[in-house]
PDB file of all heavy atoms in Angstrom:
ATOM      1  N   LEU A   1       1.405 -14.377 -11.177  1.00  0.00           N
ATOM      2  CA  LEU A   1       0.622 -13.117 -11.253  1.00  0.00           C
ATOM      3  C   LEU A   1       0.465 -12.659  -9.810  1.00  0.00           C
ATOM      4  O   LEU A   1      -0.079 -13.348  -8.987  1.00  0.00           O
ATOM      5  CB  LEU A   1      -0.597 -13.347 -11.986  1.00  0.00           C
ATOM      6  CG  LEU A   1      -1.444 -12.068 -12.357  1.00  0.00           C
ATOM      7  CD1 LEU A   1      -0.653 -11.095 -13.229  1.00  0.00           C
ATOM      8  CD2 LEU A   1      -2.793 -12.463 -12.927  1.00  0.00           C
ATOM      9  N   ILE A   2       0.682 -11.393  -9.482  1.00  0.00           N
ATOM     10  CA  ILE A   2       0.621 -10.852  -8.186  1.00  0.00           C
ATOM     11  C   ILE A   2      -0.100  -9.540  -8.252  1.00  0.00           C
ATOM     12  O   ILE A   2       0.258  -8.696  -8.995  1.00  0.00           O
ATOM     13  CB  ILE A   2       1.931 -10.728  -7.525  1.00  0.00           C
ATOM     14  CG1 ILE A   2       2.689 -12.089  -7.413  1.00  0.00           C
ATOM     15  CG2 ILE A   2       1.790 -10.178  -6.091  1.00  0.00           C
ATOM     16  CD1 ILE A   2       4.165 -11.958  -6.991  1.00  0.00           C
ATOM     17  N   TYR A   3      -1.224  -9.377  -7.453  1.00  0.00           N
ATOM     18  CA  TYR A   3      -1.868  -8.128  -7.434  1.00  0.00           C
ATOM     19  C   TYR A   3      -2.645  -7.979  -6.067  1.00  0.00           C
ATOM     20  O   TYR A   3      -2.715  -8.919  -5.325  1.00  0.00           O
ATOM     21  CB  TYR A   3      -2.863  -7.945  -8.618  1.00  0.00           C
ATOM     22  CG  TYR A   3      -3.870  -9.053  -8.711  1.00  0.00           C
ATOM     23  CD1 TYR A   3      -5.256  -8.837  -8.281  1.00  0.00           C
ATOM     24  CD2 TYR A   3      -3.627 -10.297  -9.338  1.00  0.00           C
ATOM     25  CE1 TYR A   3      -6.231  -9.871  -8.367  1.00  0.00           C
ATOM     26  CE2 TYR A   3      -4.532 -11.315  -9.452  1.00  0.00           C
ATOM     27  CZ  TYR A   3      -5.832 -11.090  -9.055  1.00  0.00           C
ATOM     28  OH  TYR A   3      -6.820 -12.076  -9.190  1.00  0.00           O
ATOM     29  N   GLY A   4      -3.145  -6.698  -5.779  1.00  0.00           N
ATOM     30  CA  GLY A   4      -3.849  -6.520  -4.557  1.00  0.00           C
ATOM     31  C   GLY A   4      -4.452  -5.235  -4.391  1.00  0.00           C
ATOM     32  O   GLY A   4      -4.389  -4.425  -5.293  1.00  0.00           O
ATOM     33  N   GLU A   5      -4.978  -4.992  -3.221  1.00  0.00           N
ATOM     34  CA  GLU A   5      -5.731  -3.788  -2.979  1.00  0.00           C
ATOM     35  C   GLU A   5      -4.794  -2.634  -2.382  1.00  0.00           C
ATOM     36  O   GLU A   5      -4.252  -2.912  -1.336  1.00  0.00           O
ATOM     37  CB  GLU A   5      -6.810  -3.950  -1.884  1.00  0.00           C
ATOM     38  CG  GLU A   5      -7.949  -4.971  -2.361  1.00  0.00           C
ATOM     39  CD  GLU A   5      -8.977  -5.179  -1.310  1.00  0.00           C
ATOM     40  OE1 GLU A   5      -8.517  -5.522  -0.162  1.00  0.00           O
ATOM     41  OE2 GLU A   5     -10.154  -5.133  -1.523  1.00  0.00           O
ATOM     42  N   PRO A   6      -4.587  -1.528  -3.025  1.00  0.00           N
ATOM     43  CA  PRO A   6      -3.558  -0.509  -2.519  1.00  0.00           C
ATOM     44  C   PRO A   6      -4.221   0.371  -1.536  1.00  0.00           C
ATOM     45  O   PRO A   6      -3.972   1.580  -1.631  1.00  0.00           O
ATOM     46  CB  PRO A   6      -3.253   0.157  -3.870  1.00  0.00           C
ATOM     47  CG  PRO A   6      -4.613   0.166  -4.634  1.00  0.00           C
ATOM     48  CD  PRO A   6      -5.185  -1.174  -4.285  1.00  0.00           C
ATOM     49  N   TRP A   7      -4.965  -0.107  -0.596  1.00  0.00           N
ATOM     50  CA  TRP A   7      -5.558   0.710   0.467  1.00  0.00           C
ATOM     51  C   TRP A   7      -5.674  -0.025   1.684  1.00  0.00           C
ATOM     52  O   TRP A   7      -5.520  -1.290   1.749  1.00  0.00           O
ATOM     53  CB  TRP A   7      -7.011   1.215  -0.058  1.00  0.00           C
ATOM     54  CG  TRP A   7      -7.881   0.115  -0.462  1.00  0.00           C
ATOM     55  CD1 TRP A   7      -8.592  -0.789   0.254  1.00  0.00           C
ATOM     56  CD2 TRP A   7      -8.284  -0.173  -1.794  1.00  0.00           C
ATOM     57  NE1 TRP A   7      -9.403  -1.621  -0.502  1.00  0.00           N
ATOM     58  CE2 TRP A   7      -9.272  -1.202  -1.745  1.00  0.00           C
ATOM     59  CE3 TRP A   7      -7.908   0.450  -3.069  1.00  0.00           C
ATOM     60  CZ2 TRP A   7      -9.773  -1.854  -2.893  1.00  0.00           C
ATOM     61  CZ3 TRP A   7      -8.468  -0.182  -4.170  1.00  0.00           C
ATOM     62  CH2 TRP A   7      -9.440  -1.174  -4.169  1.00  0.00           C
ATOM     63  N   THR A   8      -5.935   0.607   2.812  1.00  0.00           N
ATOM     64  CA  THR A   8      -6.210   0.029   4.155  1.00  0.00           C
ATOM     65  C   THR A   8      -7.667   0.128   4.452  1.00  0.00           C
ATOM     66  O   THR A   8      -8.562   0.713   3.719  1.00  0.00           O
ATOM     67  CB  THR A   8      -5.383   0.858   5.149  1.00  0.00           C
ATOM     68  OG1 THR A   8      -5.974   2.127   5.373  1.00  0.00           O
ATOM     69  CG2 THR A   8      -3.967   1.073   4.851  1.00  0.00           C
ATOM     70  N   GLY A   9      -7.997  -0.499   5.597  1.00  0.00           N
ATOM     71  CA  GLY A   9      -9.371  -0.494   6.039  1.00  0.00           C
ATOM     72  C   GLY A   9      -9.564   0.519   7.265  1.00  0.00           C
ATOM     73  O   GLY A   9     -10.539   0.506   7.835  1.00  0.00           O
ATOM     74  N   GLY A  10      -8.491   1.172   7.595  1.00  0.00           N
ATOM     75  CA  GLY A  10      -8.573   2.167   8.698  1.00  0.00           C
ATOM     76  C   GLY A  10      -7.232   2.743   8.906  1.00  0.00           C
ATOM     77  O   GLY A  10      -6.285   2.706   7.974  1.00  0.00           O
ATOM     78  N   ILE A  11      -6.958   3.453  10.094  1.00  0.00           N
ATOM     79  CA  ILE A  11      -5.765   4.119  10.274  1.00  0.00           C
ATOM     80  C   ILE A  11      -4.713   3.193  10.849  1.00  0.00           C
ATOM     81  O   ILE A  11      -4.940   2.442  11.767  1.00  0.00           O
ATOM     82  CB  ILE A  11      -5.932   5.280  11.336  1.00  0.00           C
ATOM     83  CG1 ILE A  11      -7.018   6.243  10.690  1.00  0.00           C
ATOM     84  CG2 ILE A  11      -4.619   5.945  11.682  1.00  0.00           C
ATOM     85  CD1 ILE A  11      -7.353   7.347  11.693  1.00  0.00           C
ATOM     86  N   THR A  12      -3.496   3.160  10.246  1.00  0.00           N
ATOM     87  CA  THR A  12      -2.448   2.214  10.657  1.00  0.00           C
ATOM     88  C   THR A  12      -1.325   2.888  11.153  1.00  0.00           C
ATOM     89  O   THR A  12      -1.085   4.130  10.961  1.00  0.00           O
ATOM     90  CB  THR A  12      -2.008   1.395   9.373  1.00  0.00           C
ATOM     91  OG1 THR A  12      -0.948   0.519   9.783  1.00  0.00           O
ATOM     92  CG2 THR A  12      -1.598   2.297   8.281  1.00  0.00           C
ATOM     93  N   THR A  13      -0.555   2.227  12.044  1.00  0.00           N
ATOM     94  CA  THR A  13       0.623   2.818  12.672  1.00  0.00           C
ATOM     95  C   THR A  13       1.868   2.520  11.680  1.00  0.00           C
ATOM     96  O   THR A  13       2.987   3.059  11.943  1.00  0.00           O
ATOM     97  CB  THR A  13       1.051   2.090  13.942  1.00  0.00           C
ATOM     98  OG1 THR A  13       1.100   0.661  13.763  1.00  0.00           O
ATOM     99  CG2 THR A  13      -0.048   2.483  15.011  1.00  0.00           C
ATOM    100  N   LEU A  14       1.651   1.795  10.542  1.00  0.00           N
ATOM    101  CA  LEU A  14       2.731   1.571   9.587  1.00  0.00           C
ATOM    102  C   LEU A  14       3.031   2.943   8.902  1.00  0.00           C
ATOM    103  O   LEU A  14       2.068   3.659   8.387  1.00  0.00           O
ATOM    104  CB  LEU A  14       2.315   0.618   8.574  1.00  0.00           C
ATOM    105  CG  LEU A  14       3.330   0.281   7.413  1.00  0.00           C
ATOM    106  CD1 LEU A  14       4.578  -0.413   7.999  1.00  0.00           C
ATOM    107  CD2 LEU A  14       2.701  -0.615   6.371  1.00  0.00           C
ATOM    108  N   PRO A  15       4.259   3.415   8.927  1.00  0.00           N
ATOM    109  CA  PRO A  15       4.504   4.755   8.317  1.00  0.00           C
ATOM    110  C   PRO A  15       4.108   4.762   6.774  1.00  0.00           C
ATOM    111  O   PRO A  15       4.185   3.797   6.114  1.00  0.00           O
ATOM    112  CB  PRO A  15       6.115   4.857   8.371  1.00  0.00           C
ATOM    113  CG  PRO A  15       6.403   3.906   9.532  1.00  0.00           C
ATOM    114  CD  PRO A  15       5.430   2.867   9.497  1.00  0.00           C
ATOM    115  N   SER A  16       3.596   5.949   6.434  1.00  0.00           N
ATOM    116  CA  SER A  16       3.015   6.088   5.056  1.00  0.00           C
ATOM    117  C   SER A  16       4.094   5.818   3.968  1.00  0.00           C
ATOM    118  O   SER A  16       3.667   5.302   2.877  1.00  0.00           O
ATOM    119  CB  SER A  16       2.471   7.507   4.882  1.00  0.00           C
ATOM    120  OG  SER A  16       3.539   8.459   5.070  1.00  0.00           O
ATOM    121  N   ASN A  17       5.308   5.995   4.254  1.00  0.00           N
ATOM    122  CA  ASN A  17       6.307   5.727   3.190  1.00  0.00           C
ATOM    123  C   ASN A  17       6.636   4.264   3.111  1.00  0.00           C
ATOM    124  O   ASN A  17       7.453   3.817   2.265  1.00  0.00           O
ATOM    125  CB  ASN A  17       7.624   6.588   3.532  1.00  0.00           C
ATOM    126  CG  ASN A  17       8.282   6.102   4.739  1.00  0.00           C
ATOM    127  OD1 ASN A  17       7.636   5.554   5.537  1.00  0.00           O
ATOM    128  ND2 ASN A  17       9.585   6.435   4.817  1.00  0.00           N
ATOM    129  N   LYS A  18       5.974   3.415   3.956  1.00  0.00           N
ATOM    130  CA  LYS A  18       6.257   1.965   3.972  1.00  0.00           C
ATOM    131  C   LYS A  18       4.972   1.255   3.472  1.00  0.00           C
ATOM    132  O   LYS A  18       5.021  -0.003   3.229  1.00  0.00           O
ATOM    133  CB  LYS A  18       6.611   1.480   5.284  1.00  0.00           C
ATOM    134  CG  LYS A  18       8.029   1.884   5.678  1.00  0.00           C
ATOM    135  CD  LYS A  18       9.061   1.229   4.786  1.00  0.00           C
ATOM    136  CE  LYS A  18      10.491   1.488   5.151  1.00  0.00           C
ATOM    137  NZ  LYS A  18      11.472   0.841   4.213  1.00  0.00           N
ATOM    138  N   THR A  19       3.884   1.886   3.312  1.00  0.00           N
ATOM    139  CA  THR A  19       2.591   1.207   2.823  1.00  0.00           C
ATOM    140  C   THR A  19       2.777   0.847   1.399  1.00  0.00           C
ATOM    141  O   THR A  19       3.450   1.554   0.590  1.00  0.00           O
ATOM    142  CB  THR A  19       1.377   2.059   3.078  1.00  0.00           C
ATOM    143  OG1 THR A  19       1.479   3.213   2.302  1.00  0.00           O
ATOM    144  CG2 THR A  19       1.207   2.384   4.522  1.00  0.00           C
ATOM    145  N   THR A  20       2.120  -0.224   1.004  1.00  0.00           N
ATOM    146  CA  THR A  20       2.078  -0.712  -0.388  1.00  0.00           C
ATOM    147  C   THR A  20       0.836  -0.057  -1.042  1.00  0.00           C
ATOM    148  O   THR A  20      -0.191  -0.661  -1.152  1.00  0.00           O
ATOM    149  CB  THR A  20       2.101  -2.198  -0.503  1.00  0.00           C
ATOM    150  OG1 THR A  20       3.263  -2.667   0.164  1.00  0.00           O
ATOM    151  CG2 THR A  20       2.173  -2.587  -1.975  1.00  0.00           C
ATOM    152  N   SER A  21       0.981   1.174  -1.445  1.00  0.00           N
ATOM    153  CA  SER A  21      -0.203   1.967  -1.839  1.00  0.00           C
ATOM    154  C   SER A  21      -0.046   2.351  -3.268  1.00  0.00           C
ATOM    155  O   SER A  21       1.014   1.969  -3.928  1.00  0.00           O
ATOM    156  CB  SER A  21      -0.429   3.142  -0.970  1.00  0.00           C
ATOM    157  OG  SER A  21       0.789   3.916  -0.753  1.00  0.00           O
ATOM    158  N   ARG A  22      -0.970   3.085  -3.808  1.00  0.00           N
ATOM    159  CA  ARG A  22      -0.957   3.445  -5.233  1.00  0.00           C
ATOM    160  C   ARG A  22       0.373   4.151  -5.528  1.00  0.00           C
ATOM    161  O   ARG A  22       0.726   5.090  -5.028  1.00  0.00           O
ATOM    162  CB  ARG A  22      -2.166   4.314  -5.533  1.00  0.00           C
ATOM    163  CG  ARG A  22      -2.256   4.686  -7.024  1.00  0.00           C
ATOM    164  CD  ARG A  22      -3.320   5.592  -7.308  1.00  0.00           C
ATOM    165  NE  ARG A  22      -4.609   5.096  -6.830  1.00  0.00           N
ATOM    166  CZ  ARG A  22      -5.775   5.725  -7.094  1.00  0.00           C
ATOM    167  NH1 ARG A  22      -5.834   6.855  -7.690  1.00  0.00           N
ATOM    168  NH2 ARG A  22      -6.970   5.196  -6.604  1.00  0.00           N
ATOM    169  N   GLY A  23       1.009   3.689  -6.616  1.00  0.00           N
ATOM    170  CA  GLY A  23       2.245   4.276  -7.077  1.00  0.00           C
ATOM    171  C   GLY A  23       3.397   3.519  -6.602  1.00  0.00           C
ATOM    172  O   GLY A  23       4.483   3.517  -7.341  1.00  0.00           O
ATOM    173  N   THR A  24       3.358   2.826  -5.528  1.00  0.00           N
ATOM    174  CA  THR A  24       4.601   2.121  -5.017  1.00  0.00           C
ATOM    175  C   THR A  24       4.756   0.805  -5.818  1.00  0.00           C
ATOM    176  O   THR A  24       5.813   0.222  -5.795  1.00  0.00           O
ATOM    177  CB  THR A  24       4.367   1.665  -3.514  1.00  0.00           C
ATOM    178  OG1 THR A  24       3.189   0.850  -3.390  1.00  0.00           O
ATOM    179  CG2 THR A  24       4.229   2.879  -2.649  1.00  0.00           C
ATOM    180  N   GLN A  25       3.724   0.441  -6.582  1.00  0.00           N
ATOM    181  CA  GLN A  25       3.925  -0.852  -7.462  1.00  0.00           C
ATOM    182  C   GLN A  25       4.734  -0.487  -8.652  1.00  0.00           C
ATOM    183  O   GLN A  25       5.145  -1.471  -9.385  1.00  0.00           O
ATOM    184  CB  GLN A  25       2.512  -1.287  -7.777  1.00  0.00           C
ATOM    185  CG  GLN A  25       1.896  -0.726  -9.119  1.00  0.00           C
ATOM    186  CD  GLN A  25       1.656   0.829  -9.076  1.00  0.00           C
ATOM    187  OE1 GLN A  25       1.271   1.347  -8.087  1.00  0.00           O
ATOM    188  NE2 GLN A  25       1.967   1.456 -10.226  1.00  0.00           N
ATOM    189  N   SER A  26       5.050   0.682  -9.012  1.00  0.00           N
ATOM    190  CA  SER A  26       5.692   1.083 -10.205  1.00  0.00           C
ATOM    191  C   SER A  26       6.971   0.295 -10.379  1.00  0.00           C
ATOM    192  O   SER A  26       7.928   0.264  -9.564  1.00  0.00           O
ATOM    193  CB  SER A  26       5.900   2.559 -10.213  1.00  0.00           C
ATOM    194  OG  SER A  26       6.570   2.827 -11.479  1.00  0.00           O
ATOM    195  N   ARG A  27       7.035  -0.477 -11.396  1.00  0.00           N
ATOM    196  CA  ARG A  27       8.280  -1.290 -11.756  1.00  0.00           C
ATOM    197  C   ARG A  27       8.642  -2.264 -10.734  1.00  0.00           C
ATOM    198  O   ARG A  27       9.846  -2.786 -10.659  1.00  0.00           O
ATOM    199  CB  ARG A  27       9.495  -0.363 -12.123  1.00  0.00           C
ATOM    200  CG  ARG A  27       9.259   0.544 -13.266  1.00  0.00           C
ATOM    201  CD  ARG A  27      10.361   1.439 -13.593  1.00  0.00           C
ATOM    202  NE  ARG A  27      10.161   2.180 -14.856  1.00  0.00           N
ATOM    203  CZ  ARG A  27       9.498   3.303 -14.983  1.00  0.00           C
ATOM    204  NH1 ARG A  27       8.967   3.887 -13.852  1.00  0.00           N
ATOM    205  NH2 ARG A  27       9.423   3.953 -16.153  1.00  0.00           N
TER     206      ARG A  27
END
């Protein structure tokens, strides 16, 4: 079982299209 928080704690230099955020978990 794998799960996590789909948010950051501040502004990141990781491009937004690479973050594991809401919706990216789909399938």
